[in-house]
Amino acid sequence: MTTTDAQVRKLMEEHQKHGNLGVAALRAGMHRNTASKYVKSGQLPSEMKKPRTWRTRPDPFEEDWPELESRLEVAPELEAKALFEDLCRRRPGRHEACQLRTLQRRVKEWRALHGEGREVFFAQEHHPGEAIQTDFTCANELGVRIAGEAFEHLLCHSVLPYSNWGWLTVCHSESMQALRRGVQSAVFRLGRVPQYHQTDNSTAATHDLRTGGRGFNTEYAALMRHLGMEPRTIRIGKKEQNGDVEALHRAMKSRLKQHLLLRGSRDFASLEEYEQWLREIQEMSNQLRQKRLAEELEVMRLLAVKRLAEHSDLQVRVSAWSTLSVKGHTYSVPSRLIGEKVVVRLWENRVEVLYAGRVQLECERLRGARKRRIDYRHVIWWLVKKPGAFARYKYREEMFPNLIFRQAYDRLCESLTPHQSDLEYLRLLHLAAATLECEVDRVLRELLAAGEVPVFDRVRPLVRTDPPQAQPELDPFEVKLSEYDVLLEEAS
């Protein structure tokens, strides 16, 4: 049985009390001879233990190490696994896979003794109310579902480094609209602003798409001026300079995962419910930081401006294709707007098209690069008049609302000539736009299941076009104040 430091401390304590070695050894739980050894030495077991200078088993790399060391001196970035694989290739049968860990320890020790110096990171002291840091982080790992569907999203995370007060907003991209919404949500929650706002080199804040430079974008600089903060950023490729918010990403997502487990479900009925849940979790977390937050708020400037609109407006002319290009993406619009200049209102998650101050189109904003959203209802009225254009139409694939329509077109192609099949399909698409797409979809499913060719003359009679039932007439509600007088009399 190994003697511990705690036992020897007990031994020394008892021996100092009465000087009886036998009694002290008994109370410390060790043999008298062992107790005598420690009393004479006056040292703890940990102090008497000497480092082992011998190996317990033969070194499997003793013969190979001089060669391996020379290779490390030439290329210090070589990894132990690569060296081991190369050694096994050149000297087959000499080493086993279980010896890799031995070589890794040997290489690690060599780097600590003879390798190049590593980068040093310097702990920083933060001053109250000096800055707020903002960064985006992917939140897909939370596994959140909205109405039963997986919800892929980002979180815009703003943090005060001194107190670690933080605030979260849900977003779908690292756009200027998302950054504006996230920063404003944080500072308006605080009611005050620090001197600086710090971000990384995201395209929303620092990448000028027109010049390719790294100066602050016009919109971002205007936001900072409006809020009364000075913008500052980190060096390119030096995310550790935004270290506080980066480190708090991990803690924040870990906390959210724990509260999702406590909640018992990752499913939310709506985005609003999820955002409300996030606010509640963030408020609970911030309650633990009130003391240092109070120090920050005391030196911050009062936020005395109105909240900026969380969208940007663009003037775009509608092309002859009944489409408009926005941020590299293509959207279709009603053909009556062809040639007109419209206002495209870009929100963080949606796009609105306005003409004469009235909304003409509202749809989800496209993400990524060079995508398109073409609604067949915008062009089918003209495409059915020019069926020959369908065969090589640039947006032909967008003319199939779902798989059933594609299968119906394929069945037509199998039974009719190319021109006839295009014409019949466009008439079906025109019918879907004029009535209800779900009704045409239902009929197409039935005909395809029955093995019939879904030509227009067969589909049209089966599509229900009954007008909605008239609303029942209700008598106008009459207020009788005498009934309220009776209630007041009974209460008195």
Protein backbone atom coordinates (compact mmCIF):
# COMPACT_ATOMS: atom_id res chain seq x y z
CA MET A 1 0.00 0.00 0.00
CA THR A 2 1.39 3.38 -1.02
CA THR A 3 1.74 6.00 1.68
CA THR A 4 0.12 9.31 0.81
CA ASP A 5 1.14 12.88 1.66
CA ALA A 6 -2.03 13.22 3.75
CA GLN A 7 -1.03 10.25 5.93
CA VAL A 8 2.44 11.68 6.54
CA ARG A 9 0.99 15.09 7.44
CA LYS A 10 -1.27 13.32 9.97
CA LEU A 11 1.75 11.42 11.29
CA MET A 12 3.72 14.63 11.79
CA GLU A 13 0.77 16.30 13.49
CA GLU A 14 0.27 13.43 15.97
CA HIS A 15 3.98 13.07 16.64
CA GLN A 16 4.23 16.78 17.47
CA LYS A 17 1.41 16.43 20.01
CA HIS A 18 2.81 13.67 22.23
CA GLY A 19 6.08 12.40 20.70
CA ASN A 20 4.91 8.74 20.75
CA LEU A 21 5.87 7.30 17.35
CA GLY A 22 3.82 4.10 17.72
CA VAL A 23 0.60 5.92 18.55
CA ALA A 24 1.21 8.50 15.80
CA ALA A 25 1.82 5.71 13.24
CA LEU A 26 -1.35 3.91 14.34
CA ARG A 27 -3.46 7.04 14.01
CA ALA A 28 -1.93 7.86 10.61
CA GLY A 29 -2.67 4.33 9.38
CA MET A 30 0.84 3.13 8.61
CA HIS A 31 3.51 0.72 9.95
CA ARG A 32 5.85 1.93 12.68
CA ASN A 33 8.93 1.36 10.49
CA THR A 34 7.39 3.44 7.69
CA ALA A 35 6.51 6.18 10.17
CA SER A 36 10.08 6.19 11.49
CA LYS A 37 11.42 6.68 7.97
CA TYR A 38 9.31 9.76 7.32
CA VAL A 39 9.90 11.28 10.76
CA LYS A 40 13.66 10.98 10.28
CA SER A 41 13.61 12.39 6.74
CA GLY A 42 11.13 15.17 7.46
CA GLN A 43 9.84 14.88 3.86
CA LEU A 44 6.56 13.95 2.24
CA PRO A 45 6.30 10.92 -0.10
CA SER A 46 5.93 13.22 -3.10
CA GLU A 47 9.16 15.01 -2.12
CA MET A 48 11.10 11.78 -1.68
CA LYS A 49 9.98 10.37 -5.04
CA LYS A 50 12.68 10.71 -7.68
CA PRO A 51 12.00 10.78 -11.40
CA ARG A 52 12.55 7.48 -13.18
CA THR A 53 15.62 7.53 -15.43
CA TRP A 54 15.27 4.05 -16.89
CA ARG A 55 12.91 2.48 -19.39
CA THR A 56 10.50 -0.29 -18.39
CA ARG A 57 10.68 -1.81 -21.88
CA PRO A 58 13.02 -1.58 -24.89
CA ASP A 59 12.72 1.51 -27.08
CA PRO A 60 11.32 0.28 -30.46
CA PHE A 61 12.70 3.38 -32.22
CA GLU A 62 16.20 3.39 -30.73
CA GLU A 63 17.88 2.47 -34.02
CA ASP A 64 15.60 4.67 -36.15
CA TRP A 65 15.60 7.78 -33.99
CA PRO A 66 18.84 9.43 -35.30
CA GLU A 67 17.39 9.32 -38.80
CA LEU A 68 13.98 10.56 -37.65
CA GLU A 69 15.58 13.38 -35.66
CA SER A 70 17.58 14.54 -38.65
CA ARG A 71 14.39 14.67 -40.73
CA LEU A 72 12.68 16.72 -38.02
CA GLU A 73 15.59 19.17 -37.97
CA VAL A 74 15.18 19.71 -41.73
CA ALA A 75 11.35 19.87 -41.62
CA PRO A 76 10.09 20.55 -38.06
CA GLU A 77 6.46 20.60 -39.25
CA LEU A 78 6.57 16.85 -39.99
CA GLU A 79 4.01 14.94 -37.91
CA ALA A 80 4.77 11.73 -36.04
CA LYS A 81 2.09 9.81 -37.95
CA ALA A 82 3.63 10.68 -41.32
CA LEU A 83 7.08 9.66 -40.05
CA PHE A 84 5.69 6.39 -38.71
CA GLU A 85 3.90 5.53 -41.96
CA ASP A 86 7.03 6.29 -43.98
CA LEU A 87 9.12 4.16 -41.61
CA CYS A 88 6.71 1.22 -41.94
CA ARG A 89 6.80 1.55 -45.73
CA ARG A 90 10.60 1.49 -45.89
CA ARG A 91 11.03 -1.19 -43.22
CA PRO A 92 8.02 -3.50 -43.42
CA GLY A 93 7.31 -5.86 -40.53
CA ARG A 94 9.53 -3.99 -38.09
CA HIS A 95 6.89 -1.94 -36.28
CA GLU A 96 3.29 -2.39 -35.17
CA ALA A 97 0.40 0.08 -35.19
CA CYS A 98 0.31 0.18 -31.37
CA GLN A 99 3.79 1.78 -31.37
CA LEU A 100 2.58 4.98 -33.05
CA ARG A 101 1.73 6.56 -29.69
CA THR A 102 5.31 5.94 -28.50
CA LEU A 103 6.70 7.82 -31.49
CA GLN A 104 4.20 10.65 -31.00
CA ARG A 105 5.39 11.15 -27.42
CA ARG A 106 9.02 11.07 -28.62
CA VAL A 107 8.35 13.71 -31.31
CA LYS A 108 6.39 15.87 -28.85
CA GLU A 109 9.31 15.77 -26.42
CA TRP A 110 11.78 16.66 -29.19
CA ARG A 111 9.72 19.69 -30.22
CA ALA A 112 9.55 20.91 -26.62
CA LEU A 113 13.35 20.60 -26.25
CA HIS A 114 14.66 21.50 -29.71
CA GLY A 115 11.73 22.79 -31.77
CA GLU A 116 10.94 26.33 -32.80
CA GLY A 117 9.32 28.73 -30.37
CA ARG A 118 5.52 28.81 -30.47
CA GLU A 119 3.33 31.85 -30.80
CA VAL A 120 2.74 33.61 -27.48
CA PHE A 121 -0.72 34.98 -26.67
CA PHE A 122 -0.95 37.88 -24.27
CA ALA A 123 -3.81 38.16 -21.81
CA GLN A 124 -5.60 41.48 -22.20
CA GLU A 125 -7.24 43.70 -19.62
CA HIS A 126 -10.60 45.13 -20.66
CA HIS A 127 -11.87 48.49 -19.48
CA PRO A 128 -15.53 49.02 -18.57
CA GLY A 129 -17.63 50.39 -21.41
CA GLU A 130 -14.76 50.53 -23.89
CA ALA A 131 -16.06 48.21 -26.63
CA ILE A 132 -18.66 45.73 -27.75
CA GLN A 133 -17.64 42.79 -29.96
CA THR A 134 -19.94 41.23 -32.57
CA ASP A 135 -19.48 38.01 -34.49
CA PHE A 136 -21.58 35.41 -36.31
CA THR A 137 -21.62 31.73 -35.40
CA CYS A 138 -23.35 28.76 -37.01
CA ALA A 139 -26.09 27.31 -34.79
CA ASN A 140 -27.07 24.25 -36.86
CA GLU A 141 -25.47 21.98 -34.25
CA LEU A 142 -28.27 22.89 -31.84
CA GLY A 143 -30.63 20.74 -33.92
CA VAL A 144 -33.50 23.24 -33.65
CA ARG A 145 -36.65 22.50 -35.64
CA ILE A 146 -39.33 24.99 -36.61
CA ALA A 147 -42.76 23.41 -37.11
CA GLY A 148 -41.09 20.02 -37.45
CA GLU A 149 -38.51 21.04 -40.08
CA ALA A 150 -34.76 21.41 -39.48
CA PHE A 151 -33.91 25.09 -39.02
CA GLU A 152 -30.52 26.04 -40.44
CA HIS A 153 -29.44 29.42 -39.14
CA LEU A 154 -26.72 31.62 -37.69
CA LEU A 155 -26.65 33.58 -34.47
CA CYS A 156 -25.36 37.15 -34.36
CA HIS A 157 -23.60 37.33 -30.99
CA SER A 158 -22.72 40.66 -29.38
CA VAL A 159 -20.62 40.73 -26.18
CA LEU A 160 -19.26 43.32 -23.76
CA PRO A 161 -15.76 41.91 -23.00
CA TYR A 162 -15.47 43.47 -19.54
CA SER A 163 -18.69 42.07 -18.05
CA ASN A 164 -19.33 39.28 -20.62
CA TRP A 165 -22.88 40.57 -21.05
CA GLY A 166 -24.18 39.13 -24.32
CA TRP A 167 -27.11 39.27 -26.70
CA LEU A 168 -28.24 36.98 -29.53
CA THR A 169 -30.27 37.50 -32.70
CA VAL A 170 -31.27 34.86 -35.23
CA CYS A 171 -30.05 35.44 -38.78
CA HIS A 172 -29.60 33.53 -42.02
CA SER A 173 -26.43 35.07 -43.41
CA GLU A 174 -23.57 37.40 -42.53
CA SER A 175 -25.19 40.24 -44.49
CA MET A 176 -25.25 43.92 -43.65
CA GLN A 177 -28.94 43.62 -42.77
CA ALA A 178 -28.15 40.84 -40.29
CA LEU A 179 -25.28 42.82 -38.75
CA ARG A 180 -27.42 45.95 -38.47
CA ARG A 181 -30.22 44.03 -36.79
CA GLY A 182 -27.86 42.23 -34.40
CA VAL A 183 -25.91 45.32 -33.31
CA GLN A 184 -29.02 47.45 -32.88
CA SER A 185 -30.81 44.71 -30.92
CA ALA A 186 -27.87 44.60 -28.49
CA VAL A 187 -27.32 48.33 -27.95
CA PHE A 188 -31.02 49.17 -27.76
CA ARG A 189 -31.36 46.44 -25.17
CA LEU A 190 -28.60 48.12 -23.17
CA GLY A 191 -29.89 51.64 -23.78
CA ARG A 192 -26.28 52.83 -23.95
CA VAL A 193 -23.31 52.52 -26.32
CA PRO A 194 -19.58 51.99 -25.68
CA GLN A 195 -16.83 53.86 -27.47
CA TYR A 196 -15.93 51.14 -29.99
CA HIS A 197 -17.67 48.43 -31.96
CA GLN A 198 -15.34 45.59 -32.98
CA THR A 199 -15.90 42.96 -35.68
CA ASP A 200 -13.81 40.60 -37.70
CA ASN A 201 -13.17 41.22 -41.41
CA SER A 202 -16.61 40.08 -42.54
CA THR A 203 -17.89 41.21 -45.92
CA ALA A 204 -20.80 42.96 -44.21
CA ALA A 205 -18.55 45.43 -42.41
CA THR A 206 -15.18 45.71 -44.14
CA HIS A 207 -15.22 44.24 -47.62
CA ASP A 208 -15.96 46.84 -50.27
CA LEU A 209 -17.38 44.81 -53.15
CA ARG A 210 -16.88 47.66 -55.61
CA THR A 211 -13.17 48.20 -55.03
CA GLY A 212 -12.11 44.95 -53.37
CA GLY A 213 -10.52 46.96 -50.57
CA ARG A 214 -10.71 46.32 -46.83
CA GLY A 215 -12.04 49.69 -45.75
CA PHE A 216 -15.30 49.92 -43.87
CA ASN A 217 -18.40 49.64 -46.05
CA THR A 218 -20.44 52.79 -46.50
CA GLU A 219 -23.54 51.27 -44.88
CA TYR A 220 -21.58 49.94 -41.91
CA ALA A 221 -19.77 53.23 -41.38
CA ALA A 222 -23.13 55.06 -41.51
CA LEU A 223 -24.56 52.68 -38.89
CA MET A 224 -21.63 53.35 -36.57
CA ARG A 225 -21.99 57.12 -36.99
CA HIS A 226 -25.70 56.90 -36.25
CA LEU A 227 -25.17 54.87 -33.07
CA GLY A 228 -22.20 57.00 -31.98
CA MET A 229 -19.57 54.23 -31.94
CA GLU A 230 -16.15 54.09 -33.56
CA PRO A 231 -15.67 51.01 -35.79
CA ARG A 232 -12.58 48.90 -35.39
CA THR A 233 -11.63 45.50 -36.70
CA ILE A 234 -9.06 42.78 -36.20
CA ARG A 235 -6.14 41.88 -38.44
CA ILE A 236 -6.97 39.55 -41.31
CA GLY A 237 -6.59 35.92 -40.23
CA LYS A 238 -6.20 36.85 -36.53
CA LYS A 239 -9.51 35.74 -35.06
CA GLU A 240 -7.93 35.48 -31.61
CA GLN A 241 -8.01 39.29 -31.53
CA ASN A 242 -11.79 38.90 -31.31
CA GLY A 243 -11.13 36.28 -28.65
CA ASP A 244 -13.77 37.18 -26.08
CA VAL A 245 -16.75 36.74 -28.36
CA GLU A 246 -15.10 33.75 -30.07
CA ALA A 247 -14.58 31.99 -26.72
CA LEU A 248 -18.10 32.84 -25.55
CA HIS A 249 -19.54 31.22 -28.71
CA ARG A 250 -18.67 27.81 -27.29
CA ALA A 251 -19.98 28.58 -23.81
CA MET A 252 -23.15 30.10 -25.24
CA LYS A 253 -23.95 27.13 -27.49
CA SER A 254 -23.17 24.70 -24.68
CA ARG A 255 -25.62 26.58 -22.44
CA LEU A 256 -28.30 26.53 -25.17
CA LYS A 257 -27.85 22.77 -25.63
CA GLN A 258 -28.32 22.23 -21.90
CA HIS A 259 -31.50 24.30 -21.82
CA LEU A 260 -32.83 22.45 -24.87
CA LEU A 261 -32.33 19.22 -22.91
CA LEU A 262 -34.16 20.72 -19.93
CA ARG A 263 -36.93 21.87 -22.26
CA GLY A 264 -37.34 18.29 -23.46
CA SER A 265 -37.82 19.24 -27.11
CA ARG A 266 -35.92 21.00 -29.87
CA ASP A 267 -39.10 21.70 -31.83
CA PHE A 268 -40.65 25.19 -31.81
CA ALA A 269 -44.02 26.09 -33.27
CA SER A 270 -42.69 29.22 -34.97
CA LEU A 271 -39.59 31.35 -35.40
CA GLU A 272 -41.08 33.90 -33.00
CA GLU A 273 -41.36 31.25 -30.28
CA TYR A 274 -37.73 30.23 -30.79
CA GLU A 275 -36.53 33.84 -30.65
CA GLN A 276 -38.51 34.44 -27.46
CA TRP A 277 -36.92 31.34 -25.91
CA LEU A 278 -33.46 32.62 -26.85
CA ARG A 279 -34.18 35.97 -25.22
CA GLU A 280 -35.27 34.27 -22.00
CA ILE A 281 -32.10 32.15 -21.85
CA GLN A 282 -29.91 35.18 -22.56
CA GLU A 283 -31.66 37.23 -19.87
CA MET A 284 -31.03 34.47 -17.30
CA SER A 285 -27.37 34.36 -18.24
CA ASN A 286 -27.01 38.15 -18.04
CA GLN A 287 -28.50 38.23 -14.55
CA LEU A 288 -25.24 36.74 -13.26
CA ARG A 289 -23.25 39.67 -14.67
CA GLN A 290 -25.19 42.61 -13.26
CA LYS A 291 -22.42 43.91 -10.97
CA ARG A 292 -19.79 44.33 -13.70
CA LEU A 293 -22.45 45.40 -16.20
CA ALA A 294 -23.41 48.25 -13.88
CA GLU A 295 -19.79 49.45 -14.00
CA GLU A 296 -19.95 49.43 -17.81
CA LEU A 297 -23.29 51.21 -18.06
CA GLU A 298 -22.02 53.95 -15.75
CA VAL A 299 -19.30 55.00 -18.21
CA MET A 300 -21.20 54.38 -21.46
CA ARG A 301 -22.96 57.14 -23.39
CA LEU A 302 -26.74 57.27 -23.41
CA LEU A 303 -28.28 55.96 -26.63
CA ALA A 304 -30.36 58.93 -27.79
CA VAL A 305 -31.14 58.03 -31.42
CA LYS A 306 -33.95 56.20 -33.17
CA ARG A 307 -33.52 52.69 -34.47
CA LEU A 308 -32.53 52.54 -38.14
CA ALA A 309 -34.65 50.53 -40.53
CA GLU A 310 -33.33 46.99 -40.82
CA HIS A 311 -33.50 46.92 -44.59
CA SER A 312 -31.82 48.55 -47.58
CA ASP A 313 -33.50 49.78 -50.75
CA LEU A 314 -32.20 49.34 -54.29
CA GLN A 315 -33.45 50.84 -57.55
CA VAL A 316 -33.64 48.08 -60.18
CA ARG A 317 -35.13 48.01 -63.68
CA VAL A 318 -37.19 44.96 -64.67
CA SER A 319 -35.74 43.20 -67.72
CA ALA A 320 -37.61 42.03 -70.81
CA TRP A 321 -37.46 38.53 -69.34
CA SER A 322 -39.73 39.73 -66.49
CA THR A 323 -36.83 39.31 -64.06
CA LEU A 324 -34.61 41.54 -61.97
CA SER A 325 -31.10 40.97 -60.65
CA VAL A 326 -30.43 41.62 -56.96
CA LYS A 327 -27.03 40.99 -55.34
CA GLY A 328 -26.17 38.46 -58.06
CA HIS A 329 -29.48 36.57 -57.70
CA THR A 330 -32.38 36.52 -60.17
CA TYR A 331 -36.03 36.97 -59.18
CA SER A 332 -39.05 36.92 -61.47
CA VAL A 333 -41.78 39.57 -61.13
CA PRO A 334 -45.20 40.11 -62.77
CA SER A 335 -44.74 40.84 -66.48
CA ARG A 336 -46.71 44.11 -66.24
CA LEU A 337 -43.61 45.60 -64.57
CA ILE A 338 -41.29 44.93 -67.54
CA GLY A 339 -39.23 48.03 -68.32
CA GLU A 340 -40.20 49.78 -65.09
CA LYS A 341 -37.89 50.83 -62.30
CA VAL A 342 -38.89 49.21 -59.04
CA VAL A 343 -37.65 49.50 -55.47
CA VAL A 344 -36.21 46.26 -54.12
CA ARG A 345 -36.34 46.25 -50.33
CA LEU A 346 -33.79 43.83 -48.93
CA TRP A 347 -34.51 42.49 -45.47
CA GLU A 348 -32.27 39.98 -43.75
CA ASN A 349 -34.57 37.06 -44.59
CA ARG A 350 -36.90 38.32 -47.32
CA VAL A 351 -37.17 40.50 -50.43
CA GLU A 352 -39.94 42.96 -51.23
CA VAL A 353 -40.50 44.53 -54.66
CA LEU A 354 -42.37 47.85 -54.58
CA TYR A 355 -43.76 49.98 -57.40
CA ALA A 356 -45.44 53.33 -56.73
CA GLY A 357 -45.06 52.60 -53.02
CA ARG A 358 -47.08 49.36 -53.21
CA VAL A 359 -45.70 45.87 -52.63
CA GLN A 360 -45.83 43.85 -55.85
CA LEU A 361 -43.90 40.81 -54.67
CA GLU A 362 -42.65 39.38 -51.39
CA CYS A 363 -40.56 36.22 -51.19
CA GLU A 364 -37.79 34.55 -49.20
CA ARG A 365 -34.33 36.00 -49.85
CA LEU A 366 -31.96 33.73 -51.77
CA ARG A 367 -28.69 32.65 -50.12
CA GLY A 368 -25.38 31.67 -51.67
CA ALA A 369 -24.23 32.84 -55.10
CA ARG A 370 -26.02 33.28 -58.43
CA LYS A 371 -29.27 31.53 -57.55
CA ARG A 372 -32.68 32.21 -59.03
CA ARG A 373 -36.31 32.20 -57.99
CA ILE A 374 -38.63 32.06 -61.01
CA ASP A 375 -42.39 31.83 -60.45
CA TYR A 376 -44.11 30.26 -63.45
CA ARG A 377 -47.22 32.38 -62.74
CA HIS A 378 -45.28 35.49 -63.79
CA VAL A 379 -44.51 34.26 -67.32
CA ILE A 380 -46.93 31.46 -68.19
CA TRP A 381 -49.51 33.83 -69.72
CA TRP A 382 -46.99 34.74 -72.42
CA LEU A 383 -45.19 31.43 -72.63
CA VAL A 384 -48.42 29.63 -73.55
CA LYS A 385 -48.72 32.05 -76.49
CA LYS A 386 -45.14 31.30 -77.54
CA PRO A 387 -44.79 27.55 -76.88
CA GLY A 388 -41.80 27.25 -79.21
CA ALA A 389 -39.71 29.21 -76.68
CA PHE A 390 -40.16 26.52 -74.01
CA ALA A 391 -37.70 23.99 -75.48
CA ARG A 392 -34.66 26.22 -74.93
CA TYR A 393 -36.01 28.57 -72.28
CA LYS A 394 -33.22 29.65 -69.93
CA TYR A 395 -35.41 29.07 -66.86
CA ARG A 396 -37.09 25.94 -68.19
CA GLU A 397 -36.41 23.85 -65.05
CA GLU A 398 -38.25 26.43 -62.91
CA MET A 399 -41.40 25.71 -64.94
CA PHE A 400 -41.90 22.42 -63.04
CA PRO A 401 -43.48 23.32 -59.67
CA ASN A 402 -42.92 19.83 -58.28
CA LEU A 403 -42.08 16.25 -59.22
CA ILE A 404 -45.64 15.41 -60.32
CA PHE A 405 -45.61 18.14 -62.98
CA ARG A 406 -42.24 16.85 -64.20
CA GLN A 407 -43.57 13.29 -64.39
CA ALA A 408 -46.63 14.52 -66.28
CA TYR A 409 -44.38 16.29 -68.81
CA ASP A 410 -42.27 13.15 -69.25
CA ARG A 411 -45.45 11.09 -69.90
CA LEU A 412 -46.54 13.62 -72.51
CA CYS A 413 -43.11 13.43 -74.19
CA GLU A 414 -43.43 9.63 -74.39
CA SER A 415 -46.81 9.81 -76.14
CA LEU A 416 -46.71 13.01 -78.26
CA THR A 417 -44.37 14.87 -80.55
CA PRO A 418 -41.99 17.39 -78.93
CA HIS A 419 -44.06 20.39 -80.05
CA GLN A 420 -47.35 18.83 -78.94
CA SER A 421 -45.97 17.74 -75.57
CA ASP A 422 -44.63 21.28 -74.88
CA LEU A 423 -47.96 22.83 -75.85
CA GLU A 424 -50.01 20.40 -73.74
CA TYR A 425 -47.78 20.89 -70.71
CA LEU A 426 -47.87 24.69 -70.97
CA ARG A 427 -51.67 24.55 -71.12
CA LEU A 428 -51.62 22.47 -67.93
CA LEU A 429 -49.32 25.00 -66.29
CA HIS A 430 -51.59 27.82 -67.43
CA LEU A 431 -54.53 25.95 -65.88
CA ALA A 432 -52.64 25.66 -62.57
CA ALA A 433 -51.98 29.42 -62.58
CA ALA A 434 -55.58 30.25 -63.46
CA THR A 435 -57.17 27.92 -60.91
CA LEU A 436 -55.40 26.13 -58.07
CA GLU A 437 -52.05 24.37 -58.44
CA CYS A 438 -53.05 21.82 -55.78
CA GLU A 439 -56.15 20.86 -57.80
CA VAL A 440 -54.17 20.31 -61.00
CA ASP A 441 -51.59 18.39 -58.97
CA ARG A 442 -54.35 16.12 -57.59
CA VAL A 443 -55.74 15.33 -61.04
CA LEU A 444 -52.28 14.68 -62.49
CA ARG A 445 -51.56 12.20 -59.69
CA GLU A 446 -54.78 10.32 -60.37
CA LEU A 447 -54.22 10.13 -64.15
CA LEU A 448 -50.58 9.09 -63.83
CA ALA A 449 -51.52 6.38 -61.32
CA ALA A 450 -54.14 5.11 -63.79
CA GLY A 451 -51.57 5.01 -66.61
CA GLU A 452 -53.31 7.69 -68.68
CA VAL A 453 -51.68 10.47 -70.68
CA PRO A 454 -52.44 13.76 -68.87
CA VAL A 455 -53.45 15.89 -71.86
CA PHE A 456 -55.23 19.18 -71.20
CA ASP A 457 -58.65 18.05 -72.46
CA ARG A 458 -58.53 15.12 -70.02
CA VAL A 459 -57.34 17.16 -67.05
CA ARG A 460 -59.53 20.26 -67.40
CA PRO A 461 -62.93 18.64 -66.69
CA LEU A 462 -61.58 16.96 -63.52
CA VAL A 463 -60.26 20.16 -61.93
CA ARG A 464 -62.71 21.52 -59.38
CA THR A 465 -63.36 25.22 -59.82
CA ASP A 466 -66.37 25.59 -57.53
CA PRO A 467 -66.49 29.05 -55.97
CA PRO A 468 -66.04 29.16 -52.21
CA GLN A 469 -69.17 28.86 -50.17
CA ALA A 470 -70.79 32.18 -49.37
CA GLN A 471 -70.30 33.40 -45.85
CA PRO A 472 -73.42 33.17 -43.71
CA GLU A 473 -75.21 36.41 -43.04
CA LEU A 474 -75.05 37.48 -39.43
CA ASP A 475 -77.30 39.90 -37.64
CA PRO A 476 -75.50 43.05 -36.49
CA PHE A 477 -74.55 43.02 -32.83
CA GLU A 478 -76.58 45.44 -30.78
CA VAL A 479 -75.21 46.78 -27.50
CA LYS A 480 -77.85 47.16 -24.76
CA LEU A 481 -76.54 49.38 -21.98
CA SER A 482 -79.40 48.34 -19.69
CA GLU A 483 -77.75 44.93 -19.31
CA TYR A 484 -74.63 46.60 -17.89
CA ASP A 485 -76.79 48.58 -15.45
CA VAL A 486 -78.12 45.29 -14.06
CA LEU A 487 -74.58 44.03 -13.52
CA LEU A 488 -73.62 47.21 -11.67
CA GLU A 489 -76.68 46.95 -9.43
CA GLU A 490 -75.84 43.34 -8.51
CA ALA A 491 -72.25 44.30 -7.69
CA SER A 492 -73.39 47.04 -5.34
